[in-house]
């Protein structure tokens, strides 16, 4: 895969911003099926309908985020792996309370 790091970082930021803006359709356009997620609750595999349910009915909403230390590696001609740190502010759905999280994250792009 050609080094398209900047484009891939922009797409990753677009995905995160779609979560802040509650633009579920935009996020779904950027997700493959099935998609995988690893969090403090463990790992999960989901399809577009499963993502829509999480995004629109999940217990928490993302209020803001900041990505840093973004890196990309290209293990094959058709695959890219992104890694980065994320600082995010979350709120319980419908409440003004806020939770701050600092995490490390990855994203894989391939055929």
C-alpha atoms as a PDB file:
ATOM      1  CA  UNK A   1       0.000   0.000   0.000  1.00  0.00           C
ATOM      2  CA  UNK A   2       1.293   3.437  -0.917  1.00  0.00           C
ATOM      3  CA  UNK A   3       2.046   5.659   2.090  1.00  0.00           C
ATOM      4  CA  UNK A   4      -1.239   7.558   2.345  1.00  0.00           C
ATOM      5  CA  UNK A   5      -0.718   8.373   6.020  1.00  0.00           C
ATOM      6  CA  UNK A   6      -2.163  11.883   5.854  1.00  0.00           C
ATOM      7  CA  UNK A   7      -5.313  10.726   4.069  1.00  0.00           C
ATOM      8  CA  UNK A   8      -5.778   7.844   6.521  1.00  0.00           C
ATOM      9  CA  UNK A   9      -5.273  10.140   9.528  1.00  0.00           C
ATOM     10  CA  UNK A  10      -7.873  12.523   8.065  1.00  0.00           C
ATOM     11  CA  UNK A  11     -10.347   9.650   7.668  1.00  0.00           C
ATOM     12  CA  UNK A  12      -9.738   8.528  11.248  1.00  0.00           C
ATOM     13  CA  UNK A  13     -10.373  12.072  12.499  1.00  0.00           C
ATOM     14  CA  UNK A  14     -13.523  12.220  10.341  1.00  0.00           C
ATOM     15  CA  UNK A  15     -14.777   9.040  12.020  1.00  0.00           C
ATOM     16  CA  UNK A  16     -14.150  10.431  15.509  1.00  0.00           C
ATOM     17  CA  UNK A  17     -15.785  13.748  14.587  1.00  0.00           C
ATOM     18  CA  UNK A  18     -18.837  11.869  13.287  1.00  0.00           C
ATOM     19  CA  UNK A  19     -19.233  10.387  16.770  1.00  0.00           C
ATOM     20  CA  UNK A  20     -19.085  13.847  18.378  1.00  0.00           C
ATOM     21  CA  UNK A  21     -21.537  15.250  15.816  1.00  0.00           C
ATOM     22  CA  UNK A  22     -23.816  12.167  16.115  1.00  0.00           C
ATOM     23  CA  UNK A  23     -23.602  11.659  12.350  1.00  0.00           C
ATOM     24  CA  UNK A  24     -24.149   7.912  12.445  1.00  0.00           C
ATOM     25  CA  UNK A  25     -24.465   7.519   8.668  1.00  0.00           C
ATOM     26  CA  UNK A  26     -21.068   9.171   8.142  1.00  0.00           C
ATOM     27  CA  UNK A  27     -19.463   6.808  10.655  1.00  0.00           C
ATOM     28  CA  UNK A  28     -21.090   3.770   9.035  1.00  0.00           C
ATOM     29  CA  UNK A  29     -19.736   4.802   5.615  1.00  0.00           C
ATOM     30  CA  UNK A  30     -16.240   4.623   7.126  1.00  0.00           C
ATOM     31  CA  UNK A  31     -16.679   1.216   8.805  1.00  0.00           C
ATOM     32  CA  UNK A  32     -16.194  -2.152   7.159  1.00  0.00           C
ATOM     33  CA  UNK A  33     -18.501  -5.031   7.997  1.00  0.00           C
ATOM     34  CA  UNK A  34     -17.852  -6.675  10.322  1.00  0.00           C
ATOM     35  CA  UNK A  35     -15.938  -4.133  12.394  1.00  0.00           C
ATOM     36  CA  UNK A  36     -14.064  -4.765  15.643  1.00  0.00           C
ATOM     37  CA  UNK A  37     -13.614  -2.605  18.721  1.00  0.00           C
ATOM     38  CA  UNK A  38     -11.543  -3.114  21.854  1.00  0.00           C
ATOM     39  CA  UNK A  39     -12.349  -1.082  24.958  1.00  0.00           C
ATOM     40  CA  UNK A  40     -12.167  -1.351  28.719  1.00  0.00           C
ATOM     41  CA  UNK A  41     -15.232  -3.600  28.399  1.00  0.00           C
ATOM     42  CA  UNK A  42     -13.357  -6.080  26.207  1.00  0.00           C
ATOM     43  CA  UNK A  43     -13.505  -6.732  22.475  1.00  0.00           C
ATOM     44  CA  UNK A  44     -16.574  -6.832  20.298  1.00  0.00           C
ATOM     45  CA  UNK A  45     -17.449  -7.512  16.680  1.00  0.00           C
ATOM     46  CA  UNK A  46     -20.396  -5.682  15.125  1.00  0.00           C
ATOM     47  CA  UNK A  47     -22.114  -4.931  11.827  1.00  0.00           C
ATOM     48  CA  UNK A  48     -23.534  -1.600  10.656  1.00  0.00           C
ATOM     49  CA  UNK A  49     -26.842  -2.174  12.467  1.00  0.00           C
ATOM     50  CA  UNK A  50     -24.951  -2.959  15.673  1.00  0.00           C
ATOM     51  CA  UNK A  51     -22.909   0.222  15.329  1.00  0.00           C
ATOM     52  CA  UNK A  52     -26.061   2.269  14.719  1.00  0.00           C
ATOM     53  CA  UNK A  53     -27.581   0.889  17.925  1.00  0.00           C
ATOM     54  CA  UNK A  54     -24.425   1.725  19.932  1.00  0.00           C
ATOM     55  CA  UNK A  55     -24.176   5.208  18.424  1.00  0.00           C
ATOM     56  CA  UNK A  56     -27.823   6.128  18.828  1.00  0.00           C
ATOM     57  CA  UNK A  57     -28.768   4.270  22.018  1.00  0.00           C
ATOM     58  CA  UNK A  58     -25.510   3.621  23.884  1.00  0.00           C
ATOM     59  CA  UNK A  59     -25.082   4.715  27.483  1.00  0.00           C
ATOM     60  CA  UNK A  60     -22.312   7.252  26.720  1.00  0.00           C
ATOM     61  CA  UNK A  61     -21.779   9.994  24.143  1.00  0.00           C
ATOM     62  CA  UNK A  62     -18.478  11.514  23.028  1.00  0.00           C
ATOM     63  CA  UNK A  63     -18.411  15.260  23.653  1.00  0.00           C
ATOM     64  CA  UNK A  64     -14.906  15.963  22.328  1.00  0.00           C
ATOM     65  CA  UNK A  65     -11.671  14.224  21.371  1.00  0.00           C
ATOM     66  CA  UNK A  66      -8.052  14.930  20.562  1.00  0.00           C
ATOM     67  CA  UNK A  67      -5.864  12.474  18.646  1.00  0.00           C
ATOM     68  CA  UNK A  68      -2.081  12.587  19.063  1.00  0.00           C
ATOM     69  CA  UNK A  69       1.066  10.600  18.307  1.00  0.00           C
ATOM     70  CA  UNK A  70      -0.507   9.245  15.117  1.00  0.00           C
ATOM     71  CA  UNK A  71       1.587   6.680  13.271  1.00  0.00           C
ATOM     72  CA  UNK A  72       0.956   4.430  10.290  1.00  0.00           C
ATOM     73  CA  UNK A  73       2.643   1.275   9.109  1.00  0.00           C
ATOM     74  CA  UNK A  74       1.976  -0.624   5.902  1.00  0.00           C
ATOM     75  CA  UNK A  75       2.544  -4.374   6.449  1.00  0.00           C
ATOM     76  CA  UNK A  76       1.430  -5.216   2.895  1.00  0.00           C
ATOM     77  CA  UNK A  77       0.441  -3.489  -0.328  1.00  0.00           C
ATOM     78  CA  UNK A  78      -3.236  -3.577   0.666  1.00  0.00           C
ATOM     79  CA  UNK A  79      -3.114  -3.014   4.437  1.00  0.00           C
ATOM     80  CA  UNK A  80      -2.406  -0.104   6.762  1.00  0.00           C
ATOM     81  CA  UNK A  81      -2.366  -0.111  10.555  1.00  0.00           C
ATOM     82  CA  UNK A  82      -2.802   3.190  12.385  1.00  0.00           C
ATOM     83  CA  UNK A  83      -1.942   3.735  16.025  1.00  0.00           C
ATOM     84  CA  UNK A  84      -2.526   6.822  18.127  1.00  0.00           C
ATOM     85  CA  UNK A  85      -3.419   8.206  21.515  1.00  0.00           C
ATOM     86  CA  UNK A  86      -6.824   9.715  22.156  1.00  0.00           C
ATOM     87  CA  UNK A  87      -7.993  12.071  24.875  1.00  0.00           C
ATOM     88  CA  UNK A  88     -11.780  12.051  24.965  1.00  0.00           C
ATOM     89  CA  UNK A  89     -14.525  13.606  27.032  1.00  0.00           C
ATOM     90  CA  UNK A  90     -17.610  11.410  27.460  1.00  0.00           C
ATOM     91  CA  UNK A  91     -21.013  12.065  28.992  1.00  0.00           C
ATOM     92  CA  UNK A  92     -23.751   9.686  30.067  1.00  0.00           C
ATOM     93  CA  UNK A  93     -26.497  10.013  27.435  1.00  0.00           C
ATOM     94  CA  UNK A  94     -28.856  12.843  28.360  1.00  0.00           C
ATOM     95  CA  UNK A  95     -26.780  14.064  31.316  1.00  0.00           C
ATOM     96  CA  UNK A  96     -24.285  16.871  31.820  1.00  0.00           C
ATOM     97  CA  UNK A  97     -21.769  14.798  33.826  1.00  0.00           C
ATOM     98  CA  UNK A  98     -18.411  14.348  32.120  1.00  0.00           C
ATOM     99  CA  UNK A  99     -15.806  11.602  32.151  1.00  0.00           C
ATOM    100  CA  UNK A 100     -12.287  12.175  30.835  1.00  0.00           C
ATOM    101  CA  UNK A 101     -10.350   9.279  29.276  1.00  0.00           C
ATOM    102  CA  UNK A 102      -6.823   8.918  27.914  1.00  0.00           C
ATOM    103  CA  UNK A 103      -6.431   5.843  25.721  1.00  0.00           C
ATOM    104  CA  UNK A 104      -4.254   4.240  23.077  1.00  0.00           C
ATOM    105  CA  UNK A 105      -6.075   3.080  19.949  1.00  0.00           C
ATOM    106  CA  UNK A 106      -5.517   1.415  16.579  1.00  0.00           C
ATOM    107  CA  UNK A 107      -7.311   1.215  13.271  1.00  0.00           C
ATOM    108  CA  UNK A 108      -6.678  -1.194  10.387  1.00  0.00           C
ATOM    109  CA  UNK A 109      -7.396  -0.423   6.741  1.00  0.00           C
ATOM    110  CA  UNK A 110      -7.355  -3.165   4.162  1.00  0.00           C
ATOM    111  CA  UNK A 111      -9.238  -4.867   1.368  1.00  0.00           C
END
